Amino acid sequence: MMKKNKRLSIWLFFALALTTFVWYASKPAFKGEEISPMKVYRLEYYDASLIQRAIHYQMKTPSLVRLYRIQPETLLGESAIVDLWMNGTPYWWTDPPANAVVVGSSVVFENIPPE
């Protein structure tokens, strides 16, 4: 009986460890944020998760960007995984006719309401 309980607890430990690793490996890591000049929008930068880094191994800095409206807190868009190595400068073109927020040459959020 003691042997069965010990074996079960070892399997539970490994299952918990594997679950924790998969959870950690699938979450992007927060890198920083930028606020628009009129403080209406916020860009959040994330380093890609370990799994995404393995998939996009050819990129130097695999990242993703999320655009939020600050008040009320609303997610307006999320980019695909892009390489932001030497390519992460935000451009706030929120006035018509552009109505866009651009990060470097890789990320474009279109149809953004004016500030």
N, C-alpha and C. Protein backbone atom coordinates (compact mmCIF):
# COMPACT_ATOMS: atom_id res chain seq x y z
N MET A 1 0.83 -1.20 0.00
CA MET A 1 0.00 0.00 0.00
C MET A 1 0.87 1.27 0.00
N MET A 2 1.92 1.24 0.80
CA MET A 2 2.81 2.40 0.88
C MET A 2 3.49 2.67 -0.46
N LYS A 3 3.85 1.60 -1.15
CA LYS A 3 4.51 1.72 -2.44
C LYS A 3 3.58 2.37 -3.47
N LYS A 4 2.31 2.02 -3.44
CA LYS A 4 1.32 2.57 -4.36
C LYS A 4 1.13 4.08 -4.14
N ASN A 5 1.05 4.48 -2.89
CA ASN A 5 0.89 5.91 -2.56
C ASN A 5 2.11 6.71 -2.98
N LYS A 6 3.28 6.14 -2.79
CA LYS A 6 4.51 6.83 -3.17
C LYS A 6 4.58 7.01 -4.69
N ARG A 7 4.23 5.97 -5.42
CA ARG A 7 4.23 6.02 -6.87
C ARG A 7 3.21 7.05 -7.37
N LEU A 8 2.04 7.07 -6.75
CA LEU A 8 1.00 8.03 -7.12
C LEU A 8 1.46 9.46 -6.86
N SER A 9 2.09 9.70 -5.73
CA SER A 9 2.55 11.05 -5.41
C SER A 9 3.67 11.50 -6.36
N ILE A 10 4.51 10.56 -6.80
CA ILE A 10 5.56 10.92 -7.76
C ILE A 10 4.93 11.30 -9.10
N TRP A 11 3.94 10.53 -9.56
CA TRP A 11 3.26 10.86 -10.82
C TRP A 11 2.52 12.19 -10.72
N LEU A 12 1.90 12.45 -9.59
CA LEU A 12 1.22 13.73 -9.40
C LEU A 12 2.20 14.90 -9.43
N PHE A 13 3.36 14.70 -8.81
CA PHE A 13 4.40 15.73 -8.82
C PHE A 13 4.85 16.03 -10.25
N PHE A 14 5.12 14.99 -11.04
CA PHE A 14 5.54 15.19 -12.42
C PHE A 14 4.44 15.83 -13.27
N ALA A 15 3.20 15.46 -13.05
CA ALA A 15 2.09 16.07 -13.77
C ALA A 15 1.97 17.55 -13.43
N LEU A 16 2.12 17.89 -12.17
CA LEU A 16 2.07 19.29 -11.74
C LEU A 16 3.24 20.07 -12.32
N ALA A 17 4.43 19.48 -12.31
CA ALA A 17 5.61 20.14 -12.86
C ALA A 17 5.45 20.38 -14.37
N LEU A 18 4.94 19.39 -15.08
CA LEU A 18 4.72 19.53 -16.51
C LEU A 18 3.67 20.60 -16.81
N THR A 19 2.59 20.61 -16.05
CA THR A 19 1.55 21.63 -16.22
C THR A 19 2.10 23.03 -15.97
N THR A 20 2.90 23.19 -14.94
CA THR A 20 3.51 24.48 -14.62
C THR A 20 4.44 24.92 -15.74
N PHE A 21 5.24 24.00 -16.25
CA PHE A 21 6.17 24.35 -17.33
C PHE A 21 5.41 24.78 -18.59
N VAL A 22 4.39 24.05 -18.98
CA VAL A 22 3.61 24.39 -20.18
C VAL A 22 2.93 25.74 -19.99
N TRP A 23 2.40 26.01 -18.81
CA TRP A 23 1.77 27.31 -18.54
C TRP A 23 2.80 28.42 -18.68
N TYR A 24 3.98 28.25 -18.07
CA TYR A 24 5.03 29.26 -18.13
C TYR A 24 5.54 29.44 -19.56
N ALA A 25 5.70 28.35 -20.28
CA ALA A 25 6.26 28.40 -21.64
C ALA A 25 5.30 29.00 -22.65
N SER A 26 4.02 29.09 -22.32
CA SER A 26 3.05 29.62 -23.27
C SER A 26 2.64 31.06 -22.99
N LYS A 27 3.18 31.69 -21.96
CA LYS A 27 2.80 33.07 -21.62
C LYS A 27 3.86 34.05 -22.10
N PRO A 28 3.45 35.09 -22.84
CA PRO A 28 4.41 36.13 -23.21
C PRO A 28 4.78 36.96 -21.98
N ALA A 29 5.99 37.51 -21.99
CA ALA A 29 6.50 38.30 -20.87
C ALA A 29 6.38 39.79 -21.17
N PHE A 30 5.79 40.54 -20.25
CA PHE A 30 5.62 41.99 -20.42
C PHE A 30 6.99 42.65 -20.50
N LYS A 31 7.18 43.52 -21.53
CA LYS A 31 8.46 44.17 -21.73
C LYS A 31 8.41 45.67 -21.45
N GLY A 32 7.28 46.30 -21.71
CA GLY A 32 7.17 47.74 -21.49
C GLY A 32 5.94 48.30 -22.17
N GLU A 33 5.76 49.62 -22.01
CA GLU A 33 4.59 50.26 -22.60
C GLU A 33 4.93 51.66 -23.07
N GLU A 34 4.13 52.15 -24.00
CA GLU A 34 4.21 53.52 -24.51
C GLU A 34 2.82 54.12 -24.46
N ILE A 35 2.73 55.38 -24.06
CA ILE A 35 1.46 56.10 -23.99
C ILE A 35 1.43 57.10 -25.13
N SER A 36 0.27 57.26 -25.77
CA SER A 36 0.14 58.21 -26.88
C SER A 36 0.33 59.64 -26.37
N PRO A 37 0.66 60.58 -27.25
CA PRO A 37 0.92 61.97 -26.83
C PRO A 37 -0.25 62.61 -26.09
N MET A 38 -1.49 62.28 -26.44
CA MET A 38 -2.65 62.86 -25.77
C MET A 38 -3.16 61.96 -24.64
N LYS A 39 -2.42 60.92 -24.33
CA LYS A 39 -2.73 59.98 -23.23
C LYS A 39 -4.10 59.31 -23.39
N VAL A 40 -4.43 58.96 -24.63
CA VAL A 40 -5.69 58.27 -24.91
C VAL A 40 -5.44 56.78 -25.15
N TYR A 41 -4.29 56.45 -25.77
CA TYR A 41 -3.98 55.06 -26.12
C TYR A 41 -2.70 54.60 -25.44
N ARG A 42 -2.58 53.28 -25.31
CA ARG A 42 -1.39 52.68 -24.70
C ARG A 42 -0.97 51.48 -25.54
N LEU A 43 0.31 51.42 -25.86
CA LEU A 43 0.90 50.24 -26.50
C LEU A 43 1.63 49.44 -25.45
N GLU A 44 1.40 48.15 -25.41
CA GLU A 44 2.13 47.26 -24.51
C GLU A 44 2.98 46.32 -25.35
N TYR A 45 4.24 46.21 -24.99
CA TYR A 45 5.18 45.33 -25.68
C TYR A 45 5.40 44.07 -24.85
N TYR A 46 5.40 42.92 -25.52
CA TYR A 46 5.62 41.65 -24.85
C TYR A 46 6.69 40.86 -25.60
N ASP A 47 7.60 40.24 -24.85
CA ASP A 47 8.50 39.26 -25.45
C ASP A 47 7.69 37.99 -25.69
N ALA A 48 7.95 37.34 -26.81
CA ALA A 48 7.22 36.12 -27.14
C ALA A 48 7.50 35.04 -26.09
N SER A 49 6.54 34.14 -25.93
CA SER A 49 6.71 33.03 -24.98
C SER A 49 7.78 32.08 -25.48
N LEU A 50 8.21 31.16 -24.62
CA LEU A 50 9.24 30.20 -25.00
C LEU A 50 8.79 29.35 -26.19
N ILE A 51 7.55 28.96 -26.21
CA ILE A 51 7.03 28.16 -27.32
C ILE A 51 7.05 28.97 -28.62
N GLN A 52 6.63 30.23 -28.56
CA GLN A 52 6.63 31.09 -29.74
C GLN A 52 8.05 31.39 -30.21
N ARG A 53 8.98 31.52 -29.27
CA ARG A 53 10.38 31.73 -29.66
C ARG A 53 10.93 30.53 -30.40
N ALA A 54 10.56 29.34 -29.95
CA ALA A 54 11.02 28.13 -30.63
C ALA A 54 10.45 28.05 -32.04
N ILE A 55 9.20 28.45 -32.21
CA ILE A 55 8.57 28.43 -33.54
C ILE A 55 9.21 29.47 -34.46
N HIS A 56 9.49 30.65 -33.91
CA HIS A 56 10.06 31.76 -34.70
C HIS A 56 11.55 31.91 -34.38
N TYR A 57 12.30 30.83 -34.46
CA TYR A 57 13.70 30.81 -34.07
C TYR A 57 14.58 31.73 -34.92
N GLN A 58 14.15 32.09 -36.14
CA GLN A 58 14.95 32.92 -37.02
C GLN A 58 14.91 34.40 -36.62
N MET A 59 14.00 34.80 -35.75
CA MET A 59 13.88 36.20 -35.31
C MET A 59 14.83 36.46 -34.14
N LYS A 60 15.42 37.67 -34.13
CA LYS A 60 16.31 38.03 -33.02
C LYS A 60 15.52 38.42 -31.77
N THR A 61 14.44 39.19 -31.94
CA THR A 61 13.63 39.63 -30.82
C THR A 61 12.15 39.39 -31.14
N PRO A 62 11.70 38.13 -31.07
CA PRO A 62 10.28 37.89 -31.36
C PRO A 62 9.41 38.52 -30.28
N SER A 63 8.48 39.35 -30.71
CA SER A 63 7.64 40.12 -29.78
C SER A 63 6.23 40.22 -30.32
N LEU A 64 5.34 40.67 -29.44
CA LEU A 64 4.00 41.03 -29.88
C LEU A 64 3.62 42.33 -29.21
N VAL A 65 2.70 43.04 -29.84
CA VAL A 65 2.29 44.37 -29.38
C VAL A 65 0.78 44.38 -29.23
N ARG A 66 0.30 44.97 -28.15
CA ARG A 66 -1.14 45.14 -27.93
C ARG A 66 -1.44 46.63 -27.81
N LEU A 67 -2.55 47.04 -28.43
CA LEU A 67 -2.99 48.43 -28.38
C LEU A 67 -4.26 48.51 -27.53
N TYR A 68 -4.24 49.38 -26.53
CA TYR A 68 -5.38 49.58 -25.64
C TYR A 68 -5.84 51.03 -25.70
N ARG A 69 -7.12 51.24 -25.55
CA ARG A 69 -7.67 52.56 -25.25
C ARG A 69 -7.64 52.66 -23.73
N ILE A 70 -7.16 53.77 -23.19
CA ILE A 70 -6.96 53.87 -21.74
C ILE A 70 -8.28 54.03 -21.00
N GLN A 71 -9.16 54.93 -21.48
CA GLN A 71 -10.41 55.18 -20.77
C GLN A 71 -11.58 55.10 -21.73
N PRO A 72 -12.45 54.17 -21.66
CA PRO A 72 -12.46 52.98 -20.80
C PRO A 72 -11.44 51.96 -21.30
N GLU A 73 -10.94 51.15 -20.39
CA GLU A 73 -9.92 50.15 -20.71
C GLU A 73 -10.46 49.16 -21.75
N THR A 74 -9.93 49.25 -22.98
CA THR A 74 -10.42 48.42 -24.08
C THR A 74 -9.24 47.96 -24.93
N LEU A 75 -9.17 46.66 -25.19
CA LEU A 75 -8.16 46.13 -26.10
C LEU A 75 -8.64 46.37 -27.52
N LEU A 76 -7.86 47.15 -28.29
CA LEU A 76 -8.24 47.48 -29.66
C LEU A 76 -7.59 46.56 -30.69
N GLY A 77 -6.49 45.93 -30.32
CA GLY A 77 -5.84 45.04 -31.27
C GLY A 77 -4.59 44.41 -30.71
N GLU A 78 -4.20 43.29 -31.32
CA GLU A 78 -2.99 42.58 -30.93
C GLU A 78 -2.29 42.14 -32.21
N SER A 79 -0.99 42.33 -32.26
CA SER A 79 -0.24 41.97 -33.45
C SER A 79 0.09 40.48 -33.44
N ALA A 80 0.52 40.02 -34.58
CA ALA A 80 1.10 38.68 -34.66
C ALA A 80 2.52 38.76 -34.09
N ILE A 81 3.22 37.66 -34.03
CA ILE A 81 4.61 37.68 -33.56
C ILE A 81 5.45 38.33 -34.66
N VAL A 82 6.17 39.39 -34.29
CA VAL A 82 7.01 40.12 -35.23
C VAL A 82 8.39 40.30 -34.61
N ASP A 83 9.37 40.57 -35.45
CA ASP A 83 10.73 40.81 -34.97
C ASP A 83 10.90 42.30 -34.73
N LEU A 84 10.99 42.72 -33.48
CA LEU A 84 11.14 44.14 -33.15
C LEU A 84 12.58 44.54 -32.91
N TRP A 85 13.51 43.71 -33.34
CA TRP A 85 14.92 44.06 -33.18
C TRP A 85 15.22 45.27 -34.05
N MET A 86 15.59 46.38 -33.42
CA MET A 86 15.86 47.65 -34.09
C MET A 86 14.66 48.12 -34.92
N ASN A 87 13.44 47.83 -34.44
CA ASN A 87 12.26 48.10 -35.24
C ASN A 87 11.03 48.33 -34.36
N GLY A 88 11.16 49.03 -33.23
CA GLY A 88 10.03 49.15 -32.33
C GLY A 88 9.54 50.55 -32.05
N THR A 89 9.86 51.51 -32.89
CA THR A 89 9.45 52.89 -32.65
C THR A 89 7.98 53.08 -33.00
N PRO A 90 7.18 53.60 -32.05
CA PRO A 90 5.75 53.82 -32.35
C PRO A 90 5.52 55.15 -33.07
N TYR A 91 4.55 55.16 -33.98
CA TYR A 91 4.12 56.37 -34.68
C TYR A 91 2.62 56.50 -34.46
N TRP A 92 2.22 57.62 -33.90
CA TRP A 92 0.81 57.85 -33.53
C TRP A 92 0.15 58.71 -34.59
N TRP A 93 -0.37 58.11 -35.64
CA TRP A 93 -1.08 58.83 -36.69
C TRP A 93 -2.57 58.64 -36.47
N THR A 94 -3.09 59.26 -35.42
CA THR A 94 -4.50 59.05 -35.06
C THR A 94 -5.44 60.08 -35.67
N ASP A 95 -4.90 61.06 -36.39
CA ASP A 95 -5.76 62.05 -37.04
C ASP A 95 -6.12 61.58 -38.44
N PRO A 96 -7.32 61.96 -38.92
CA PRO A 96 -7.71 61.58 -40.28
C PRO A 96 -6.73 62.18 -41.28
N PRO A 97 -6.47 61.58 -42.38
CA PRO A 97 -7.06 60.38 -42.95
C PRO A 97 -6.35 59.10 -42.53
N ALA A 98 -5.23 59.18 -41.83
CA ALA A 98 -4.45 57.97 -41.52
C ALA A 98 -5.17 57.07 -40.52
N ASN A 99 -5.55 57.60 -39.36
CA ASN A 99 -6.22 56.84 -38.30
C ASN A 99 -5.53 55.51 -38.04
N ALA A 100 -4.22 55.57 -37.76
CA ALA A 100 -3.46 54.35 -37.54
C ALA A 100 -2.40 54.57 -36.48
N VAL A 101 -2.03 53.48 -35.85
CA VAL A 101 -0.88 53.45 -34.96
C VAL A 101 0.07 52.42 -35.55
N VAL A 102 1.32 52.85 -35.79
CA VAL A 102 2.30 51.99 -36.44
C VAL A 102 3.47 51.81 -35.50
N VAL A 103 3.95 50.57 -35.39
CA VAL A 103 5.13 50.26 -34.59
C VAL A 103 6.19 49.74 -35.54
N GLY A 104 7.24 50.55 -35.73
CA GLY A 104 8.30 50.18 -36.67
C GLY A 104 7.74 50.01 -38.06
N SER A 105 8.20 48.98 -38.75
CA SER A 105 7.68 48.70 -40.09
C SER A 105 6.88 47.40 -40.12
N SER A 106 6.65 46.80 -38.94
CA SER A 106 6.03 45.48 -38.89
C SER A 106 4.59 45.47 -38.40
N VAL A 107 4.21 46.42 -37.55
CA VAL A 107 2.89 46.37 -36.90
C VAL A 107 2.09 47.61 -37.29
N VAL A 108 0.86 47.39 -37.76
CA VAL A 108 -0.04 48.49 -38.11
C VAL A 108 -1.42 48.20 -37.52
N PHE A 109 -1.89 49.13 -36.71
CA PHE A 109 -3.26 49.08 -36.19
C PHE A 109 -4.04 50.16 -36.93
N GLU A 110 -5.05 49.75 -37.70
CA GLU A 110 -5.80 50.68 -38.54
C GLU A 110 -7.16 50.99 -37.93
N ASN A 111 -7.80 52.04 -38.49
CA ASN A 111 -9.13 52.47 -38.09
C ASN A 111 -9.22 52.82 -36.61
N ILE A 112 -8.24 53.55 -36.13
CA ILE A 112 -8.18 54.00 -34.73
C ILE A 112 -8.91 55.33 -34.63
N PRO A 113 -9.85 55.48 -33.69
CA PRO A 113 -10.54 56.76 -33.53
C PRO A 113 -9.55 57.88 -33.17
N PRO A 114 -9.78 59.11 -33.64
CA PRO A 114 -8.87 60.21 -33.33
C PRO A 114 -8.80 60.48 -31.83
N GLU A 115 -7.67 61.04 -31.43
CA GLU A 115 -7.51 61.40 -30.00
C GLU A 115 -8.29 62.64 -29.75
